[in-house]
Every structure is written in C-alpha cells, then in structure tokens.
Protein backbone atom coordinates (compact mmCIF):
# COMPACT_ATOMS: atom_id res chain seq x y z
CA MET A 1 -11.22 17.05 -3.88
CA LYS A 2 -9.33 15.48 -1.01
CA THR A 3 -10.13 11.96 0.13
CA ASN A 4 -9.19 9.87 3.14
CA LEU A 5 -9.82 6.13 3.33
CA VAL A 6 -9.48 4.29 6.63
CA LEU A 7 -9.94 0.52 6.68
CA GLN A 8 -11.28 -0.75 10.00
CA PHE A 9 -11.53 -4.43 10.85
CA ASN A 10 -11.45 -6.45 14.09
CA GLY A 11 -10.43 -3.46 16.18
CA ARG A 12 -7.58 -2.57 13.82
CA GLU A 13 -7.23 0.35 11.49
CA ALA A 14 -5.08 1.13 8.43
CA SER A 15 -5.27 4.36 6.47
CA GLU A 16 -4.80 4.63 2.75
CA GLU A 17 -1.83 6.89 3.44
CA SER A 18 -0.10 4.32 5.68
CA MET A 19 -0.66 1.54 3.13
CA ILE A 20 0.77 3.70 0.32
CA LYS A 21 3.80 4.51 2.48
CA SER A 22 4.39 0.80 3.11
CA ALA A 23 4.27 0.08 -0.64
CA GLN A 24 6.65 3.00 -1.28
CA GLU A 25 9.08 1.64 1.31
CA ALA A 26 9.14 -1.74 -0.45
CA TRP A 27 9.76 0.08 -3.74
CA LYS A 28 12.65 2.04 -2.22
CA ASN A 29 14.10 -1.08 -0.55
CA ALA A 30 14.26 -2.68 -3.99
CA GLY A 31 16.58 0.14 -5.12
CA ASN A 32 14.01 2.37 -6.83
CA LYS A 33 13.27 6.07 -6.41
CA VAL A 34 9.90 7.15 -5.01
CA SER A 35 9.84 9.89 -7.64
CA ASP A 36 9.65 7.15 -10.31
CA ILE A 37 6.29 5.91 -9.04
CA LYS A 38 3.52 6.72 -11.51
CA SER A 39 0.71 4.56 -10.06
CA VAL A 40 -0.05 2.52 -6.96
CA GLN A 41 -2.85 0.00 -6.67
CA LEU A 42 -3.75 -1.37 -3.23
CA PHE A 43 -5.67 -4.58 -2.58
CA PRO A 44 -6.22 -4.84 1.19
CA GLN A 45 -7.47 -8.15 2.57
CA PRO A 46 -8.33 -7.38 6.19
CA GLU A 47 -9.49 -10.93 6.86
CA ASN A 48 -5.86 -12.00 6.29
CA SER A 49 -4.28 -8.82 7.76
CA ILE A 50 -2.42 -8.28 4.49
CA CYS A 51 -2.38 -5.72 1.70
CA TYR A 52 -1.20 -6.57 -1.80
CA TYR A 53 0.07 -3.77 -4.02
CA VAL A 54 1.11 -3.12 -7.61
CA ILE A 55 3.35 -0.17 -8.46
CA ASN A 56 3.65 1.05 -12.05
CA LYS A 57 1.73 -2.02 -13.23
CA ASP A 58 4.78 -4.31 -12.89
CA PHE A 59 6.21 -4.22 -9.35
CA ASP A 60 4.14 -6.12 -6.83
CA GLY A 61 4.24 -7.52 -3.35
CA SER A 62 2.46 -7.46 -0.02
CA PHE A 63 2.78 -6.24 3.55
CA GLY A 64 0.95 -6.77 6.81
CA ILE A 65 -1.77 -4.39 7.92
C-alpha cells in the first residue's frame, strides 16, 4: 500500500515527503548518515507553521513548513 499525506492550511501545503526530507537534512547536518535512520515521527503544527520531528526516538528538532 502506498500513501501520500498532504497538509493544507491557510493556502499553504506541505507533503509528508517534504517534511521527512527536511528532518533528514537536519539529521545529516548534525553529522549523521541517512542510512542510520530507523524511524521518523512528524508532529506538524500548521497554526504555527512549524513541524516538530523525532528521529530514532532520541534526535529531535523542528523546521518551518
């Protein structure tokens, strides 16, 4: 089964794929390898134009959406 999530809010749009890529970029910028990612949790808050993330249950942060 293939899925595609697109978050739409106030005339903006962010896909699940783009949010995952942003979290992966933060992971890579911290000196990690993308191949080491085992799990990604996304917590978008469109009312604040931000998405929080947790990678491998211990690396977290946020980015703008």
